[in-house]
């Protein structure tokens, strides 16, 4: 996968996760963004991986 395509897919995952957090947890966009950032720092994972994890958790 090309670098641009990978970045685009990661950005889409982050955006979908933010939308899900906003809908399911009643967060604002800045709150959802900060939540993803904080989780990424706490878990020592890239933000895109945290986003994918959130998307998987809510699909289950």
PDB file of N, CA and C in Angstrom:
ATOM      1  N   UNK A   1       0.854  -1.178   0.000  1.00  0.00           N
ATOM      2  CA  UNK A   1       0.000   0.000   0.000  1.00  0.00           C
ATOM      3  C   UNK A   1       0.901   1.243   0.000  1.00  0.00           C
ATOM      4  N   UNK A   2       0.533   2.205  -0.790  1.00  0.00           N
ATOM      5  CA  UNK A   2       1.327   3.415  -0.865  1.00  0.00           C
ATOM      6  C   UNK A   2       1.149   4.238   0.408  1.00  0.00           C
ATOM      7  N   UNK A   3       2.148   5.059   0.670  1.00  0.00           N
ATOM      8  CA  UNK A   3       2.150   5.867   1.886  1.00  0.00           C
ATOM      9  C   UNK A   3       0.920   6.769   1.973  1.00  0.00           C
ATOM     10  N   UNK A   4       0.548   7.394   0.865  1.00  0.00           N
ATOM     11  CA  UNK A   4      -0.612   8.289   0.845  1.00  0.00           C
ATOM     12  C   UNK A   4      -1.903   7.528   1.153  1.00  0.00           C
ATOM     13  N   UNK A   5      -2.059   6.355   0.555  1.00  0.00           N
ATOM     14  CA  UNK A   5      -3.258   5.552   0.785  1.00  0.00           C
ATOM     15  C   UNK A   5      -3.340   5.113   2.243  1.00  0.00           C
ATOM     16  N   UNK A   6      -2.206   4.734   2.815  1.00  0.00           N
ATOM     17  CA  UNK A   6      -2.175   4.299   4.208  1.00  0.00           C
ATOM     18  C   UNK A   6      -2.582   5.450   5.129  1.00  0.00           C
ATOM     19  N   UNK A   7      -2.029   6.632   4.882  1.00  0.00           N
ATOM     20  CA  UNK A   7      -2.367   7.804   5.689  1.00  0.00           C
ATOM     21  C   UNK A   7      -3.847   8.134   5.556  1.00  0.00           C
ATOM     22  N   UNK A   8      -4.377   8.030   4.358  1.00  0.00           N
ATOM     23  CA  UNK A   8      -5.785   8.320   4.116  1.00  0.00           C
ATOM     24  C   UNK A   8      -6.680   7.347   4.884  1.00  0.00           C
ATOM     25  N   UNK A   9      -6.351   6.055   4.858  1.00  0.00           N
ATOM     26  CA  UNK A   9      -7.133   5.059   5.581  1.00  0.00           C
ATOM     27  C   UNK A   9      -7.044   5.289   7.089  1.00  0.00           C
ATOM     28  N   UNK A  10      -5.872   5.686   7.568  1.00  0.00           N
ATOM     29  CA  UNK A  10      -5.716   5.971   8.992  1.00  0.00           C
ATOM     30  C   UNK A  10      -6.545   7.185   9.390  1.00  0.00           C
ATOM     31  N   UNK A  11      -6.522   8.211   8.566  1.00  0.00           N
ATOM     32  CA  UNK A  11      -7.307   9.416   8.846  1.00  0.00           C
ATOM     33  C   UNK A  11      -8.796   9.102   8.856  1.00  0.00           C
ATOM     34  N   UNK A  12      -9.235   8.255   7.937  1.00  0.00           N
ATOM     35  CA  UNK A  12     -10.640   7.867   7.886  1.00  0.00           C
ATOM     36  C   UNK A  12     -11.038   7.106   9.145  1.00  0.00           C
ATOM     37  N   UNK A  13     -10.161   6.229   9.625  1.00  0.00           N
ATOM     38  CA  UNK A  13     -10.447   5.462  10.839  1.00  0.00           C
ATOM     39  C   UNK A  13     -10.577   6.396  12.034  1.00  0.00           C
ATOM     40  N   UNK A  14      -9.687   7.378  12.125  1.00  0.00           N
ATOM     41  CA  UNK A  14      -9.732   8.336  13.228  1.00  0.00           C
ATOM     42  C   UNK A  14     -11.031   9.130  13.163  1.00  0.00           C
ATOM     43  N   UNK A  15     -11.418   9.570  12.003  1.00  0.00           N
ATOM     44  CA  UNK A  15     -12.651  10.342  11.853  1.00  0.00           C
ATOM     45  C   UNK A  15     -13.881   9.503  12.202  1.00  0.00           C
ATOM     46  N   UNK A  16     -13.901   8.251  11.750  1.00  0.00           N
ATOM     47  CA  UNK A  16     -15.034   7.371  12.071  1.00  0.00           C
ATOM     48  C   UNK A  16     -15.106   7.109  13.569  1.00  0.00           C
ATOM     49  N   UNK A  17     -13.965   6.911  14.204  1.00  0.00           N
ATOM     50  CA  UNK A  17     -13.939   6.684  15.651  1.00  0.00           C
ATOM     51  C   UNK A  17     -14.421   7.925  16.401  1.00  0.00           C
ATOM     52  N   UNK A  18     -14.012   9.097  15.954  1.00  0.00           N
ATOM     53  CA  UNK A  18     -14.492  10.326  16.595  1.00  0.00           C
ATOM     54  C   UNK A  18     -15.998  10.449  16.461  1.00  0.00           C
ATOM     55  N   UNK A  19     -16.532  10.176  15.280  1.00  0.00           N
ATOM     56  CA  UNK A  19     -17.975  10.241  15.069  1.00  0.00           C
ATOM     57  C   UNK A  19     -18.709   9.257  15.982  1.00  0.00           C
ATOM     58  N   UNK A  20     -18.147   8.071  16.119  1.00  0.00           N
ATOM     59  CA  UNK A  20     -18.749   7.057  16.976  1.00  0.00           C
ATOM     60  C   UNK A  20     -18.741   7.500  18.438  1.00  0.00           C
ATOM     61  N   UNK A  21     -17.631   8.055  18.892  1.00  0.00           N
ATOM     62  CA  UNK A  21     -17.537   8.551  20.272  1.00  0.00           C
ATOM     63  C   UNK A  21     -18.530   9.692  20.508  1.00  0.00           C
ATOM     64  N   UNK A  22     -18.668  10.541  19.525  1.00  0.00           N
ATOM     65  CA  UNK A  22     -19.607  11.653  19.644  1.00  0.00           C
ATOM     66  C   UNK A  22     -21.042  11.133  19.745  1.00  0.00           C
ATOM     67  N   UNK A  23     -21.356  10.144  18.939  1.00  0.00           N
ATOM     68  CA  UNK A  23     -22.721   9.610  18.923  1.00  0.00           C
ATOM     69  C   UNK A  23     -23.011   8.753  20.156  1.00  0.00           C
ATOM     70  N   UNK A  24     -22.098   7.844  20.475  1.00  0.00           N
ATOM     71  CA  UNK A  24     -22.353   6.885  21.546  1.00  0.00           C
ATOM     72  C   UNK A  24     -22.084   7.439  22.947  1.00  0.00           C
ATOM     73  N   UNK A  25     -21.122   8.335  23.060  1.00  0.00           N
ATOM     74  CA  UNK A  25     -20.748   8.848  24.380  1.00  0.00           C
ATOM     75  C   UNK A  25     -21.126  10.309  24.591  1.00  0.00           C
ATOM     76  N   UNK A  26     -21.743  10.905  23.578  1.00  0.00           N
ATOM     77  CA  UNK A  26     -22.188  12.287  23.715  1.00  0.00           C
ATOM     78  C   UNK A  26     -21.057  13.293  23.804  1.00  0.00           C
ATOM     79  N   UNK A  27     -19.913  12.958  23.235  1.00  0.00           N
ATOM     80  CA  UNK A  27     -18.757  13.866  23.261  1.00  0.00           C
ATOM     81  C   UNK A  27     -18.873  14.898  22.149  1.00  0.00           C
ATOM     82  N   UNK A  28     -18.220  16.028  22.361  1.00  0.00           N
ATOM     83  CA  UNK A  28     -18.065  16.991  21.284  1.00  0.00           C
ATOM     84  C   UNK A  28     -16.901  16.521  20.413  1.00  0.00           C
ATOM     85  N   UNK A  29     -16.726  17.136  19.254  1.00  0.00           N
ATOM     86  CA  UNK A  29     -15.599  16.751  18.380  1.00  0.00           C
ATOM     87  C   UNK A  29     -14.264  16.967  19.080  1.00  0.00           C
ATOM     88  N   UNK A  30     -14.024  18.121  19.736  1.00  0.00           N
ATOM     89  CA  UNK A  30     -12.746  18.294  20.433  1.00  0.00           C
ATOM     90  C   UNK A  30     -12.546  17.282  21.573  1.00  0.00           C
ATOM     91  N   UNK A  31     -13.627  16.934  22.266  1.00  0.00           N
ATOM     92  CA  UNK A  31     -13.505  15.937  23.335  1.00  0.00           C
ATOM     93  C   UNK A  31     -13.138  14.565  22.775  1.00  0.00           C
ATOM     94  N   UNK A  32     -13.765  14.183  21.675  1.00  0.00           N
ATOM     95  CA  UNK A  32     -13.471  12.898  21.051  1.00  0.00           C
ATOM     96  C   UNK A  32     -12.031  12.874  20.542  1.00  0.00           C
ATOM     97  N   UNK A  33     -11.589  13.972  19.966  1.00  0.00           N
ATOM     98  CA  UNK A  33     -10.215  14.069  19.473  1.00  0.00           C
ATOM     99  C   UNK A  33      -9.224  13.927  20.633  1.00  0.00           C
ATOM    100  N   UNK A  34      -9.498  14.635  21.711  1.00  0.00           N
ATOM    101  CA  UNK A  34      -8.615  14.574  22.882  1.00  0.00           C
ATOM    102  C   UNK A  34      -8.624  13.180  23.500  1.00  0.00           C
ATOM    103  N   UNK A  35      -9.784  12.533  23.524  1.00  0.00           N
ATOM    104  CA  UNK A  35      -9.890  11.179  24.046  1.00  0.00           C
ATOM    105  C   UNK A  35      -8.986  10.232  23.248  1.00  0.00           C
ATOM    106  N   UNK A  36      -9.049  10.334  21.928  1.00  0.00           N
ATOM    107  CA  UNK A  36      -8.188   9.485  21.084  1.00  0.00           C
ATOM    108  C   UNK A  36      -6.715   9.773  21.341  1.00  0.00           C
ATOM    109  N   UNK A  37      -6.373  11.046  21.457  1.00  0.00           N
ATOM    110  CA  UNK A  37      -4.973  11.411  21.728  1.00  0.00           C
ATOM    111  C   UNK A  37      -4.515  10.837  23.067  1.00  0.00           C
ATOM    112  N   UNK A  38      -5.356  10.995  24.087  1.00  0.00           N
ATOM    113  CA  UNK A  38      -4.990  10.527  25.422  1.00  0.00           C
ATOM    114  C   UNK A  38      -4.850   9.012  25.466  1.00  0.00           C
ATOM    115  N   UNK A  39      -5.767   8.314  24.814  1.00  0.00           N
ATOM    116  CA  UNK A  39      -5.687   6.860  24.758  1.00  0.00           C
ATOM    117  C   UNK A  39      -4.424   6.404  24.037  1.00  0.00           C
ATOM    118  N   UNK A  40      -4.085   7.101  22.965  1.00  0.00           N
ATOM    119  CA  UNK A  40      -2.869   6.754  22.211  1.00  0.00           C
ATOM    120  C   UNK A  40      -1.629   6.942  23.089  1.00  0.00           C
ATOM    121  N   UNK A  41      -1.601   8.024  23.843  1.00  0.00           N
ATOM    122  CA  UNK A  41      -0.452   8.256  24.732  1.00  0.00           C
ATOM    123  C   UNK A  41      -0.418   7.218  25.854  1.00  0.00           C
ATOM    124  N   UNK A  42      -1.574   6.970  26.468  1.00  0.00           N
ATOM    125  CA  UNK A  42      -1.629   6.023  27.585  1.00  0.00           C
ATOM    126  C   UNK A  42      -1.253   4.609  27.169  1.00  0.00           C
ATOM    127  N   UNK A  43      -1.690   4.221  25.990  1.00  0.00           N
ATOM    128  CA  UNK A  43      -1.418   2.869  25.488  1.00  0.00           C
ATOM    129  C   UNK A  43      -0.099   2.767  24.724  1.00  0.00           C
ATOM    130  N   UNK A  44       0.502   3.916  24.465  1.00  0.00           N
ATOM    131  CA  UNK A  44       1.732   3.973  23.650  1.00  0.00           C
ATOM    132  C   UNK A  44       1.501   3.310  22.290  1.00  0.00           C
ATOM    133  N   UNK A  45       0.421   3.754  21.663  1.00  0.00           N
ATOM    134  CA  UNK A  45       0.025   3.249  20.349  1.00  0.00           C
ATOM    135  C   UNK A  45      -0.259   4.436  19.445  1.00  0.00           C
ATOM    136  N   UNK A  46      -0.129   4.258  18.144  1.00  0.00           N
ATOM    137  CA  UNK A  46      -0.541   5.318  17.220  1.00  0.00           C
ATOM    138  C   UNK A  46      -2.047   5.580  17.343  1.00  0.00           C
ATOM    139  N   UNK A  47      -2.435   6.807  17.118  1.00  0.00           N
ATOM    140  CA  UNK A  47      -3.841   7.198  17.219  1.00  0.00           C
ATOM    141  C   UNK A  47      -4.719   6.360  16.286  1.00  0.00           C
ATOM    142  N   UNK A  48      -4.215   6.037  15.115  1.00  0.00           N
ATOM    143  CA  UNK A  48      -4.999   5.242  14.161  1.00  0.00           C
ATOM    144  C   UNK A  48      -5.278   3.844  14.713  1.00  0.00           C
ATOM    145  N   UNK A  49      -4.331   3.259  15.430  1.00  0.00           N
ATOM    146  CA  UNK A  49      -4.556   1.934  16.018  1.00  0.00           C
ATOM    147  C   UNK A  49      -5.600   1.997  17.120  1.00  0.00           C
ATOM    148  N   UNK A  50      -5.572   3.059  17.907  1.00  0.00           N
ATOM    149  CA  UNK A  50      -6.587   3.247  18.945  1.00  0.00           C
ATOM    150  C   UNK A  50      -7.958   3.401  18.290  1.00  0.00           C
ATOM    151  N   UNK A  51      -8.012   4.165  17.226  1.00  0.00           N
ATOM    152  CA  UNK A  51      -9.275   4.368  16.508  1.00  0.00           C
ATOM    153  C   UNK A  51      -9.818   3.036  15.993  1.00  0.00           C
ATOM    154  N   UNK A  52      -8.965   2.224  15.399  1.00  0.00           N
ATOM    155  CA  UNK A  52      -9.406   0.922  14.899  1.00  0.00           C
ATOM    156  C   UNK A  52      -9.887   0.036  16.040  1.00  0.00           C
ATOM    157  N   UNK A  53      -9.228   0.109  17.174  1.00  0.00           N
ATOM    158  CA  UNK A  53      -9.632  -0.653  18.348  1.00  0.00           C
ATOM    159  C   UNK A  53     -11.024  -0.230  18.817  1.00  0.00           C
ATOM    160  N   UNK A  54     -11.274   1.060  18.849  1.00  0.00           N
ATOM    161  CA  UNK A  54     -12.585   1.574  19.246  1.00  0.00           C
ATOM    162  C   UNK A  54     -13.650   1.119  18.260  1.00  0.00           C
ATOM    163  N   UNK A  55     -13.350   1.203  16.981  1.00  0.00           N
ATOM    164  CA  UNK A  55     -14.315   0.768  15.965  1.00  0.00           C
ATOM    165  C   UNK A  55     -14.626  -0.720  16.107  1.00  0.00           C
ATOM    166  N   UNK A  56     -13.607  -1.534  16.377  1.00  0.00           N
ATOM    167  CA  UNK A  56     -13.827  -2.966  16.562  1.00  0.00           C
ATOM    168  C   UNK A  56     -14.677  -3.227  17.811  1.00  0.00           C
ATOM    169  N   UNK A  57     -14.379  -2.514  18.899  1.00  0.00           N
ATOM    170  CA  UNK A  57     -15.111  -2.720  20.154  1.00  0.00           C
ATOM    171  C   UNK A  57     -16.596  -2.408  19.996  1.00  0.00           C
ATOM    172  N   UNK A  58     -16.923  -1.365  19.268  1.00  0.00           N
ATOM    173  CA  UNK A  58     -18.318  -0.978  19.117  1.00  0.00           C
ATOM    174  C   UNK A  58     -19.061  -1.857  18.108  1.00  0.00           C
ATOM    175  N   UNK A  59     -18.337  -2.527  17.248  1.00  0.00           N
ATOM    176  CA  UNK A  59     -18.984  -3.431  16.289  1.00  0.00           C
ATOM    177  C   UNK A  59     -19.355  -4.739  16.931  1.00  0.00           C
ATOM    178  N   UNK A  60     -18.670  -5.100  17.985  1.00  0.00           N
ATOM    179  CA  UNK A  60     -18.919  -6.387  18.662  1.00  0.00           C
ATOM    180  C   UNK A  60     -20.234  -6.406  19.390  1.00  0.00           C
TER     181      UNK A  60
END
